[in-house]
Amino acid sequence: MKVLFTKGNKKLPKSTYILNVGSATNCPSKRLGLCEVCKECYAMKAEIQYPATLPFRERQREVFNTMGAAEIALALLDASVRSHTNKMKHFRFSEAGDFETQADVDKMAEICRILGEHGVTCYGYTARTDLDLNELIYHASLNVSNDLNGWTSHGANRFKAVKETTSKYVCAGDCRKCSLCFNLGGQEIQVALH
């Protein structure tokens, strides 16, 4: 089975490899009421606007479920080595969807541990603050999207969608211009709803 990932998007450089652990349509955080921005979910908008996006993300989930952490990490590293123009500098997880179980979190922590040993900066997002995120925070810059269980005191950033920004850390909306999500720890980063 082949690891399905993308290299960048409209707002991310091609040196950022992206792996989703699910789709926005079937997001467990939405189902569990943990997501604070379900109605404004940009990942859901992509799944509606581009018909191939949802099936691709569902296949990503299947691959994530089937392959082991080391197998996924080594496949990503191999793809980076084979790439002539877009070597992996950053690894982003959960552009869409979220972790289903604690085992998913633990697997992602192991993927990030291996990638980190090879100089790749790992970061991602979750609303699954009901799970134990400590090991993932240790191996990746984590951005949580709700205030439950005090994960910012453990080093996760609070990524908060607001109508008007008031924080000293504000998402630029273009990751090519900003690195807050993977350079800060334990801070509130606000993003303006649009």
N, C-alpha and C. Protein backbone atom coordinates (compact mmCIF):
# COMPACT_ATOMS: atom_id res chain seq x y z
N MET A 1 0.85 -1.19 0.00
CA MET A 1 0.00 0.00 0.00
C MET A 1 0.89 1.24 0.00
N LYS A 2 0.49 2.24 -0.74
CA LYS A 2 1.26 3.47 -0.89
C LYS A 2 0.74 4.54 0.06
N VAL A 3 1.65 5.28 0.70
CA VAL A 3 1.25 6.40 1.55
C VAL A 3 0.74 7.51 0.65
N LEU A 4 -0.45 7.99 0.94
CA LEU A 4 -1.05 9.07 0.16
C LEU A 4 -0.86 10.38 0.92
N PHE A 5 -0.12 11.28 0.34
CA PHE A 5 0.12 12.57 0.96
C PHE A 5 0.14 13.62 -0.15
N THR A 6 0.10 14.87 0.25
CA THR A 6 0.23 15.95 -0.71
C THR A 6 1.44 16.78 -0.34
N LYS A 7 1.95 17.50 -1.31
CA LYS A 7 3.06 18.42 -1.09
C LYS A 7 2.51 19.83 -1.20
N GLY A 8 2.36 20.46 -0.06
CA GLY A 8 1.88 21.84 -0.03
C GLY A 8 0.46 21.98 -0.53
N ASN A 9 0.02 23.20 -0.56
CA ASN A 9 -1.28 23.58 -1.13
C ASN A 9 -1.19 25.06 -1.49
N LYS A 10 -2.30 25.73 -1.65
CA LYS A 10 -2.26 27.13 -2.06
C LYS A 10 -1.56 28.02 -1.04
N LYS A 11 -1.55 27.60 0.23
CA LYS A 11 -0.98 28.44 1.29
C LYS A 11 0.25 27.82 1.95
N LEU A 12 0.66 26.66 1.47
CA LEU A 12 1.81 25.97 2.06
C LEU A 12 2.86 25.71 0.99
N PRO A 13 4.13 25.85 1.36
CA PRO A 13 5.17 25.53 0.38
C PRO A 13 5.19 24.04 0.05
N LYS A 14 5.69 23.70 -1.13
CA LYS A 14 5.75 22.30 -1.58
C LYS A 14 6.70 21.46 -0.72
N SER A 15 7.51 22.10 0.12
CA SER A 15 8.39 21.36 1.02
C SER A 15 7.67 20.90 2.29
N THR A 16 6.37 21.22 2.39
CA THR A 16 5.53 20.75 3.49
C THR A 16 4.71 19.56 2.99
N TYR A 17 4.97 18.40 3.55
CA TYR A 17 4.22 17.19 3.19
C TYR A 17 3.05 17.07 4.14
N ILE A 18 1.87 16.79 3.60
CA ILE A 18 0.63 16.77 4.38
C ILE A 18 0.02 15.38 4.36
N LEU A 19 -0.31 14.90 5.55
CA LEU A 19 -0.99 13.61 5.69
C LEU A 19 -2.21 13.80 6.59
N ASN A 20 -3.36 13.51 6.05
CA ASN A 20 -4.60 13.57 6.84
C ASN A 20 -4.89 12.20 7.43
N VAL A 21 -5.48 12.20 8.62
CA VAL A 21 -5.89 10.95 9.24
C VAL A 21 -7.39 10.74 9.09
N GLY A 22 -7.99 11.52 8.22
CA GLY A 22 -9.41 11.39 7.97
C GLY A 22 -9.92 12.58 7.17
N SER A 23 -11.22 12.63 7.02
CA SER A 23 -11.85 13.69 6.26
C SER A 23 -12.63 14.62 7.19
N ALA A 24 -12.93 15.80 6.70
CA ALA A 24 -13.76 16.73 7.46
C ALA A 24 -15.19 16.19 7.54
N THR A 25 -15.64 15.54 6.48
CA THR A 25 -17.00 15.00 6.45
C THR A 25 -17.23 14.00 7.58
N ASN A 26 -16.24 13.18 7.87
CA ASN A 26 -16.37 12.15 8.90
C ASN A 26 -15.52 12.45 10.12
N CYS A 27 -15.33 13.71 10.43
CA CYS A 27 -14.46 14.14 11.52
C CYS A 27 -15.02 13.74 12.89
N PRO A 28 -14.24 13.00 13.68
CA PRO A 28 -14.71 12.61 15.01
C PRO A 28 -14.88 13.80 15.96
N SER A 29 -14.09 14.84 15.79
CA SER A 29 -14.23 16.01 16.66
C SER A 29 -15.56 16.70 16.43
N LYS A 30 -15.99 16.74 15.20
CA LYS A 30 -17.32 17.29 14.88
C LYS A 30 -18.40 16.42 15.51
N ARG A 31 -18.28 15.13 15.33
CA ARG A 31 -19.25 14.18 15.87
C ARG A 31 -19.34 14.24 17.39
N LEU A 32 -18.20 14.45 18.06
CA LEU A 32 -18.14 14.48 19.52
C LEU A 32 -18.40 15.86 20.11
N GLY A 33 -18.61 16.86 19.26
CA GLY A 33 -18.87 18.22 19.74
C GLY A 33 -17.63 18.93 20.27
N LEU A 34 -16.46 18.51 19.85
CA LEU A 34 -15.21 19.12 20.32
C LEU A 34 -14.73 20.25 19.42
N CYS A 35 -15.20 20.29 18.19
CA CYS A 35 -14.78 21.31 17.23
C CYS A 35 -15.60 22.58 17.43
N GLU A 36 -14.91 23.71 17.54
CA GLU A 36 -15.59 24.99 17.76
C GLU A 36 -15.96 25.70 16.46
N VAL A 37 -15.50 25.19 15.32
CA VAL A 37 -15.75 25.90 14.05
C VAL A 37 -16.34 25.00 12.98
N CYS A 38 -17.19 24.08 13.36
CA CYS A 38 -17.77 23.15 12.38
C CYS A 38 -18.45 23.87 11.23
N LYS A 39 -19.16 24.94 11.53
CA LYS A 39 -19.89 25.66 10.48
C LYS A 39 -18.98 26.43 9.55
N GLU A 40 -17.77 26.74 10.00
CA GLU A 40 -16.81 27.49 9.19
C GLU A 40 -15.64 26.62 8.73
N CYS A 41 -15.76 25.33 8.82
CA CYS A 41 -14.64 24.41 8.55
C CYS A 41 -14.15 24.55 7.10
N TYR A 42 -12.91 25.04 6.95
CA TYR A 42 -12.38 25.22 5.60
C TYR A 42 -12.10 23.88 4.94
N ALA A 43 -11.79 22.84 5.73
CA ALA A 43 -11.54 21.52 5.16
C ALA A 43 -12.82 20.94 4.57
N MET A 44 -13.94 21.21 5.20
CA MET A 44 -15.22 20.75 4.69
C MET A 44 -15.56 21.47 3.38
N LYS A 45 -15.24 22.76 3.33
CA LYS A 45 -15.50 23.52 2.11
C LYS A 45 -14.78 22.90 0.92
N ALA A 46 -13.53 22.48 1.12
CA ALA A 46 -12.77 21.86 0.04
C ALA A 46 -13.41 20.54 -0.40
N GLU A 47 -13.92 19.78 0.56
CA GLU A 47 -14.54 18.50 0.23
C GLU A 47 -15.84 18.67 -0.55
N ILE A 48 -16.50 19.78 -0.35
CA ILE A 48 -17.72 20.09 -1.09
C ILE A 48 -17.39 20.67 -2.46
N GLN A 49 -16.43 21.59 -2.50
CA GLN A 49 -16.10 22.30 -3.73
C GLN A 49 -15.36 21.42 -4.74
N TYR A 50 -14.50 20.53 -4.27
CA TYR A 50 -13.69 19.70 -5.15
C TYR A 50 -14.05 18.24 -4.94
N PRO A 51 -14.82 17.63 -5.83
CA PRO A 51 -15.35 16.28 -5.64
C PRO A 51 -14.30 15.19 -5.37
N ALA A 52 -13.10 15.35 -5.85
CA ALA A 52 -12.08 14.31 -5.63
C ALA A 52 -11.44 14.38 -4.24
N THR A 53 -11.67 15.47 -3.51
CA THR A 53 -11.01 15.67 -2.22
C THR A 53 -11.49 14.67 -1.16
N LEU A 54 -12.79 14.51 -1.01
CA LEU A 54 -13.31 13.59 0.02
C LEU A 54 -12.84 12.16 -0.20
N PRO A 55 -12.96 11.58 -1.40
CA PRO A 55 -12.46 10.22 -1.59
C PRO A 55 -10.96 10.08 -1.32
N PHE A 56 -10.18 11.10 -1.69
CA PHE A 56 -8.74 11.06 -1.43
C PHE A 56 -8.47 11.02 0.07
N ARG A 57 -9.15 11.88 0.82
CA ARG A 57 -8.95 11.91 2.27
C ARG A 57 -9.43 10.62 2.94
N GLU A 58 -10.47 10.03 2.41
CA GLU A 58 -10.94 8.75 2.95
C GLU A 58 -9.91 7.65 2.67
N ARG A 59 -9.26 7.70 1.51
CA ARG A 59 -8.19 6.74 1.21
C ARG A 59 -6.98 7.00 2.12
N GLN A 60 -6.71 8.27 2.43
CA GLN A 60 -5.63 8.57 3.37
C GLN A 60 -5.91 7.92 4.72
N ARG A 61 -7.15 7.97 5.15
CA ARG A 61 -7.53 7.35 6.43
C ARG A 61 -7.29 5.84 6.37
N GLU A 62 -7.67 5.23 5.27
CA GLU A 62 -7.48 3.79 5.11
C GLU A 62 -6.00 3.43 5.17
N VAL A 63 -5.16 4.21 4.50
CA VAL A 63 -3.72 3.97 4.54
C VAL A 63 -3.20 4.14 5.96
N PHE A 64 -3.63 5.21 6.63
CA PHE A 64 -3.19 5.46 8.00
C PHE A 64 -3.58 4.30 8.92
N ASN A 65 -4.76 3.76 8.72
CA ASN A 65 -5.23 2.62 9.53
C ASN A 65 -4.44 1.35 9.24
N THR A 66 -4.02 1.17 8.00
CA THR A 66 -3.42 -0.09 7.55
C THR A 66 -1.92 -0.17 7.80
N MET A 67 -1.22 0.93 7.57
CA MET A 67 0.24 0.92 7.67
C MET A 67 0.71 1.25 9.09
N GLY A 68 1.87 0.75 9.45
CA GLY A 68 2.47 1.07 10.73
C GLY A 68 3.15 2.43 10.69
N ALA A 69 3.44 2.98 11.87
CA ALA A 69 4.05 4.30 11.98
C ALA A 69 5.40 4.36 11.28
N ALA A 70 6.26 3.38 11.52
CA ALA A 70 7.59 3.38 10.90
C ALA A 70 7.47 3.28 9.39
N GLU A 71 6.55 2.46 8.92
CA GLU A 71 6.35 2.28 7.48
C GLU A 71 5.91 3.60 6.82
N ILE A 72 5.01 4.32 7.48
CA ILE A 72 4.55 5.61 6.95
C ILE A 72 5.70 6.62 6.95
N ALA A 73 6.40 6.72 8.07
CA ALA A 73 7.50 7.69 8.18
C ALA A 73 8.58 7.41 7.15
N LEU A 74 8.95 6.16 7.00
CA LEU A 74 10.01 5.81 6.04
C LEU A 74 9.56 6.05 4.60
N ALA A 75 8.30 5.83 4.31
CA ALA A 75 7.78 6.11 2.96
C ALA A 75 7.82 7.61 2.67
N LEU A 76 7.49 8.43 3.65
CA LEU A 76 7.56 9.89 3.47
C LEU A 76 9.00 10.33 3.26
N LEU A 77 9.91 9.78 4.06
CA LEU A 77 11.33 10.12 3.91
C LEU A 77 11.86 9.68 2.55
N ASP A 78 11.44 8.50 2.11
CA ASP A 78 11.87 8.01 0.80
C ASP A 78 11.35 8.91 -0.32
N ALA A 79 10.10 9.35 -0.20
CA ALA A 79 9.54 10.26 -1.21
C ALA A 79 10.32 11.57 -1.24
N SER A 80 10.75 12.04 -0.08
CA SER A 80 11.54 13.25 -0.01
C SER A 80 12.89 13.07 -0.68
N VAL A 81 13.54 11.94 -0.43
CA VAL A 81 14.84 11.66 -1.05
C VAL A 81 14.71 11.61 -2.56
N ARG A 82 13.63 11.00 -3.04
CA ARG A 82 13.43 10.85 -4.49
C ARG A 82 13.00 12.15 -5.17
N SER A 83 12.49 13.11 -4.39
CA SER A 83 12.03 14.37 -4.97
C SER A 83 13.23 15.24 -5.35
N HIS A 84 13.23 15.72 -6.57
CA HIS A 84 14.34 16.55 -7.04
C HIS A 84 14.19 18.01 -6.63
N THR A 85 12.94 18.47 -6.48
CA THR A 85 12.73 19.89 -6.22
C THR A 85 12.05 20.19 -4.89
N ASN A 86 11.38 19.24 -4.29
CA ASN A 86 10.59 19.52 -3.08
C ASN A 86 10.91 18.56 -1.95
N LYS A 87 12.10 18.66 -1.40
CA LYS A 87 12.48 17.85 -0.26
C LYS A 87 11.61 18.25 0.94
N MET A 88 11.28 17.28 1.78
CA MET A 88 10.42 17.54 2.93
C MET A 88 11.19 18.28 4.02
N LYS A 89 10.74 19.50 4.33
CA LYS A 89 11.28 20.27 5.45
C LYS A 89 10.32 20.23 6.62
N HIS A 90 9.02 20.23 6.28
CA HIS A 90 7.98 20.23 7.30
C HIS A 90 6.99 19.11 7.00
N PHE A 91 6.42 18.56 8.06
CA PHE A 91 5.37 17.56 7.94
C PHE A 91 4.17 18.06 8.73
N ARG A 92 3.05 18.19 8.03
CA ARG A 92 1.81 18.67 8.66
C ARG A 92 0.80 17.54 8.67
N PHE A 93 0.24 17.30 9.83
CA PHE A 93 -0.82 16.30 9.92
C PHE A 93 -2.15 16.98 10.25
N SER A 94 -3.21 16.33 9.82
CA SER A 94 -4.58 16.78 10.10
C SER A 94 -4.91 18.15 9.51
N GLU A 95 -4.67 18.28 8.22
CA GLU A 95 -5.20 19.43 7.50
C GLU A 95 -6.72 19.33 7.49
N ALA A 96 -7.21 18.10 7.49
CA ALA A 96 -8.65 17.81 7.55
C ALA A 96 -8.86 16.63 8.48
N GLY A 97 -10.04 16.55 9.04
CA GLY A 97 -10.36 15.42 9.91
C GLY A 97 -9.59 15.49 11.22
N ASP A 98 -9.64 14.39 11.98
CA ASP A 98 -8.98 14.37 13.27
C ASP A 98 -8.76 12.93 13.70
N PHE A 99 -8.08 12.76 14.80
CA PHE A 99 -7.80 11.43 15.34
C PHE A 99 -9.09 10.76 15.82
N GLU A 100 -9.23 9.49 15.51
CA GLU A 100 -10.37 8.70 15.99
C GLU A 100 -10.14 8.19 17.41
N THR A 101 -8.91 7.75 17.69
CA THR A 101 -8.62 7.04 18.94
C THR A 101 -7.27 7.47 19.51
N GLN A 102 -7.00 7.02 20.74
CA GLN A 102 -5.69 7.25 21.34
C GLN A 102 -4.60 6.56 20.52
N ALA A 103 -4.91 5.42 19.95
CA ALA A 103 -3.93 4.72 19.12
C ALA A 103 -3.51 5.58 17.92
N ASP A 104 -4.43 6.36 17.36
CA ASP A 104 -4.09 7.27 16.27
C ASP A 104 -3.09 8.33 16.73
N VAL A 105 -3.34 8.90 17.90
CA VAL A 105 -2.44 9.91 18.45
C VAL A 105 -1.06 9.32 18.68
N ASP A 106 -1.02 8.13 19.25
CA ASP A 106 0.25 7.46 19.53
C ASP A 106 1.00 7.14 18.24
N LYS A 107 0.28 6.72 17.21
CA LYS A 107 0.91 6.43 15.92
C LYS A 107 1.49 7.70 15.31
N MET A 108 0.75 8.80 15.38
CA MET A 108 1.26 10.06 14.82
C MET A 108 2.47 10.54 15.61
N ALA A 109 2.47 10.36 16.91
CA ALA A 109 3.64 10.74 17.71
C ALA A 109 4.87 9.96 17.26
N GLU A 110 4.69 8.67 16.96
CA GLU A 110 5.81 7.84 16.50
C GLU A 110 6.27 8.27 15.11
N ILE A 111 5.35 8.58 14.22
CA ILE A 111 5.71 9.08 12.89
C ILE A 111 6.54 10.36 13.05
N CYS A 112 6.08 11.28 13.89
CA CYS A 112 6.78 12.54 14.08
C CYS A 112 8.13 12.33 14.76
N ARG A 113 8.25 11.37 15.66
CA ARG A 113 9.53 11.07 16.29
C ARG A 113 10.55 10.65 15.24
N ILE A 114 10.14 9.77 14.36
CA ILE A 114 11.05 9.27 13.31
C ILE A 114 11.41 10.40 12.34
N LEU A 115 10.43 11.16 11.90
CA LEU A 115 10.70 12.27 10.98
C LEU A 115 11.61 13.31 11.64
N GLY A 116 11.35 13.59 12.90
CA GLY A 116 12.16 14.56 13.64
C GLY A 116 13.62 14.14 13.72
N GLU A 117 13.86 12.85 13.87
CA GLU A 117 15.23 12.34 13.90
C GLU A 117 15.95 12.58 12.58
N HIS A 118 15.19 12.83 11.52
CA HIS A 118 15.75 13.11 10.20
C HIS A 118 15.68 14.59 9.85
N GLY A 119 15.46 15.43 10.84
CA GLY A 119 15.49 16.87 10.64
C GLY A 119 14.23 17.50 10.11
N VAL A 120 13.12 16.76 10.11
CA VAL A 120 11.85 17.29 9.61
C VAL A 120 11.08 17.91 10.78
N THR A 121 10.63 19.13 10.61
CA THR A 121 9.80 19.79 11.61
C THR A 121 8.36 19.32 11.44
N CYS A 122 7.78 18.79 12.50
CA CYS A 122 6.41 18.25 12.44
C CYS A 122 5.45 19.16 13.20
N TYR A 123 4.27 19.32 12.63
CA TYR A 123 3.24 20.09 13.32
C TYR A 123 1.87 19.67 12.80
N GLY A 124 0.85 20.00 13.58
CA GLY A 124 -0.50 19.67 13.17
C GLY A 124 -1.53 20.24 14.12
N TYR A 125 -2.75 19.81 13.90
CA TYR A 125 -3.91 20.38 14.57
C TYR A 125 -4.82 19.27 15.07
N THR A 126 -5.47 19.53 16.20
CA THR A 126 -6.46 18.58 16.69
C THR A 126 -7.45 19.30 17.61
N ALA A 127 -8.64 18.79 17.66
CA ALA A 127 -9.63 19.20 18.65
C ALA A 127 -9.86 18.06 19.64
N ARG A 128 -9.11 16.96 19.47
CA ARG A 128 -9.28 15.79 20.34
C ARG A 128 -8.54 15.98 21.67
N THR A 129 -8.91 17.03 22.37
CA THR A 129 -8.30 17.35 23.66
C THR A 129 -8.79 16.41 24.76
N ASP A 130 -9.66 15.50 24.41
CA ASP A 130 -10.11 14.48 25.36
C ASP A 130 -9.13 13.30 25.41
N LEU A 131 -8.16 13.28 24.52
CA LEU A 131 -7.16 12.20 24.46
C LEU A 131 -5.85 12.68 25.08
N ASP A 132 -4.94 11.76 25.38
CA ASP A 132 -3.63 12.11 25.94
C ASP A 132 -2.71 12.55 24.80
N LEU A 133 -2.35 13.82 24.80
CA LEU A 133 -1.57 14.41 23.72
C LEU A 133 -0.10 14.63 24.08
N ASN A 134 0.30 14.25 25.29
CA ASN A 134 1.65 14.55 25.77
C ASN A 134 2.75 14.05 24.85
N GLU A 135 2.68 12.82 24.41
CA GLU A 135 3.73 12.25 23.57
C GLU A 135 3.78 12.95 22.21
N LEU A 136 2.63 13.32 21.70
CA LEU A 136 2.58 14.03 20.42
C LEU A 136 3.18 15.43 20.57
N ILE A 137 2.88 16.11 21.67
CA ILE A 137 3.44 17.44 21.93
C ILE A 137 4.97 17.35 22.03
N TYR A 138 5.47 16.26 22.55
CA TYR A 138 6.91 16.08 22.70
C TYR A 138 7.61 15.97 21.34
N HIS A 139 6.93 15.41 20.35
CA HIS A 139 7.55 15.17 19.04
C HIS A 139 7.07 16.10 17.93
N ALA A 140 6.11 16.96 18.20
CA ALA A 140 5.56 17.85 17.17
C ALA A 140 5.03 19.12 17.81
N SER A 141 4.97 20.17 17.03
CA SER A 141 4.28 21.38 17.47
C SER A 141 2.79 21.13 17.26
N LEU A 142 2.06 21.16 18.36
CA LEU A 142 0.64 20.82 18.28
C LEU A 142 -0.20 22.06 18.52
N ASN A 143 -1.23 22.19 17.72
CA ASN A 143 -2.17 23.30 17.83
C ASN A 143 -3.54 22.72 18.12
N VAL A 144 -4.10 23.06 19.29
CA VAL A 144 -5.40 22.55 19.69
C VAL A 144 -6.45 23.63 19.46
N SER A 145 -7.65 23.20 19.11
CA SER A 145 -8.67 24.17 18.73
C SER A 145 -9.82 24.27 19.72
N ASN A 146 -9.56 23.94 20.97
CA ASN A 146 -10.51 24.24 22.04
C ASN A 146 -9.74 24.37 23.35
N ASP A 147 -10.39 24.84 24.40
CA ASP A 147 -9.73 25.11 25.68
C ASP A 147 -9.81 23.95 26.66
N LEU A 148 -10.28 22.81 26.26
CA LEU A 148 -10.50 21.71 27.19
C LEU A 148 -9.18 21.09 27.67
N ASN A 149 -9.11 20.78 28.92
CA ASN A 149 -8.03 20.00 29.55
C ASN A 149 -6.66 20.68 29.59
N GLY A 150 -6.58 21.98 29.37
CA GLY A 150 -5.36 22.73 29.62
C GLY A 150 -4.12 22.32 28.87
N TRP A 151 -4.25 21.92 27.61
CA TRP A 151 -3.09 21.44 26.86
C TRP A 151 -2.06 22.53 26.58
N THR A 152 -2.45 23.81 26.65
CA THR A 152 -1.45 24.87 26.44
C THR A 152 -0.42 24.85 27.56
N SER A 153 -0.80 24.45 28.76
CA SER A 153 0.17 24.37 29.86
C SER A 153 1.16 23.22 29.64
N HIS A 154 0.87 22.32 28.72
CA HIS A 154 1.77 21.22 28.36
C HIS A 154 2.60 21.54 27.11
N GLY A 155 2.36 22.72 26.51
CA GLY A 155 3.15 23.13 25.35
C GLY A 155 2.41 23.22 24.04
N ALA A 156 1.14 22.85 24.02
CA ALA A 156 0.36 22.99 22.78
C ALA A 156 -0.06 24.44 22.61
N ASN A 157 -0.16 24.89 21.38
CA ASN A 157 -0.72 26.21 21.10
C ASN A 157 -2.23 26.11 21.07
N ARG A 158 -2.89 27.17 21.49
CA ARG A 158 -4.34 27.27 21.35
C ARG A 158 -4.59 28.00 20.04
N PHE A 159 -5.11 27.30 19.04
CA PHE A 159 -5.40 27.88 17.73
C PHE A 159 -6.87 28.25 17.74
N LYS A 160 -7.16 29.54 17.82
CA LYS A 160 -8.52 30.01 18.07
C LYS A 160 -9.06 30.86 16.93
N ALA A 161 -10.21 30.45 16.40
CA ALA A 161 -10.89 31.22 15.35
C ALA A 161 -11.74 32.31 16.01
N VAL A 162 -11.55 33.54 15.57
CA VAL A 162 -12.25 34.68 16.15
C VAL A 162 -12.75 35.61 15.05
N LYS A 163 -13.75 36.43 15.41
CA LYS A 163 -14.24 37.42 14.45
C LYS A 163 -13.29 38.61 14.37
N GLU A 164 -12.73 38.99 15.51
CA GLU A 164 -11.75 40.08 15.56
C GLU A 164 -10.54 39.61 16.35
N THR A 165 -9.36 39.81 15.80
CA THR A 165 -8.15 39.37 16.48
C THR A 165 -7.72 40.35 17.56
N THR A 166 -7.27 39.80 18.69
CA THR A 166 -6.79 40.60 19.82
C THR A 166 -5.46 40.08 20.36
N SER A 167 -5.00 38.95 19.90
CA SER A 167 -3.77 38.33 20.38
C SER A 167 -2.56 38.96 19.72
N LYS A 168 -1.39 38.84 20.37
CA LYS A 168 -0.17 39.31 19.70
C LYS A 168 0.28 38.31 18.64
N TYR A 169 -0.29 37.09 18.67
CA TYR A 169 0.02 36.08 17.66
C TYR A 169 -1.22 35.86 16.80
N VAL A 170 -1.13 36.27 15.53
CA VAL A 170 -2.27 36.18 14.62
C VAL A 170 -1.83 35.42 13.37
N CYS A 171 -2.62 34.44 12.99
CA CYS A 171 -2.36 33.66 11.78
C CYS A 171 -2.40 34.59 10.56
N ALA A 172 -1.36 34.51 9.74
CA ALA A 172 -1.30 35.34 8.53
C ALA A 172 -2.20 34.80 7.43
N GLY A 173 -2.68 33.56 7.59
CA GLY A 173 -3.53 32.96 6.56
C GLY A 173 -2.74 32.41 5.39
N ASP A 174 -1.43 32.50 5.46
CA ASP A 174 -0.55 31.99 4.41
C ASP A 174 0.72 31.49 5.09
N CYS A 175 0.88 30.18 5.15
CA CYS A 175 2.00 29.57 5.86
C CYS A 175 3.35 29.84 5.20
N ARG A 176 3.33 30.36 3.99
CA ARG A 176 4.58 30.75 3.35
C ARG A 176 5.14 32.03 3.97
N LYS A 177 4.27 32.78 4.68
CA LYS A 177 4.67 34.04 5.30
C LYS A 177 4.79 33.94 6.82
N CYS A 178 4.42 32.83 7.38
CA CYS A 178 4.29 32.72 8.84
C CYS A 178 4.72 31.34 9.30
N SER A 179 5.25 31.26 10.50
CA SER A 179 5.67 29.96 11.05
C SER A 179 5.23 29.80 12.50
N LEU A 180 4.22 30.55 12.92
CA LEU A 180 3.78 30.50 14.31
C LEU A 180 3.37 29.10 14.75
N CYS A 181 2.67 28.37 13.89
CA CYS A 181 2.13 27.06 14.27
C CYS A 181 3.19 26.03 14.60
N PHE A 182 4.39 26.20 14.06
CA PHE A 182 5.42 25.23 14.39
C PHE A 182 6.63 25.84 15.09
N ASN A 183 6.56 27.12 15.44
CA ASN A 183 7.66 27.74 16.18
C ASN A 183 7.29 28.16 17.59
N LEU A 184 6.01 28.21 17.90
CA LEU A 184 5.57 28.60 19.23
C LEU A 184 5.16 27.38 20.04
N GLY A 185 5.10 27.55 21.33
CA GLY A 185 4.58 26.50 22.21
C GLY A 185 3.84 27.13 23.37
N GLY A 186 2.63 26.68 23.62
CA GLY A 186 1.85 27.15 24.75
C GLY A 186 1.28 28.54 24.60
N GLN A 187 1.08 28.99 23.37
CA GLN A 187 0.56 30.34 23.12
C GLN A 187 -0.81 30.28 22.43
N GLU A 188 -1.53 31.38 22.50
CA GLU A 188 -2.78 31.49 21.74
C GLU A 188 -2.47 32.14 20.40
N ILE A 189 -2.82 31.44 19.34
CA ILE A 189 -2.70 31.98 17.98
C ILE A 189 -4.12 32.15 17.47
N GLN A 190 -4.45 33.36 17.11
CA GLN A 190 -5.80 33.63 16.62
C GLN A 190 -5.81 33.64 15.10
N VAL A 191 -6.91 33.17 14.55
CA VAL A 191 -7.11 33.22 13.11
C VAL A 191 -8.48 33.89 12.89
N ALA A 192 -8.50 34.85 12.00
CA ALA A 192 -9.75 35.57 11.71
C ALA A 192 -10.64 34.70 10.86
N LEU A 193 -11.88 34.54 11.30
CA LEU A 193 -12.87 33.81 10.50
C LEU A 193 -13.09 34.55 9.19
N HIS A 194 -13.15 33.78 8.11
CA HIS A 194 -13.38 34.39 6.80
C HIS A 194 -14.27 33.49 5.97
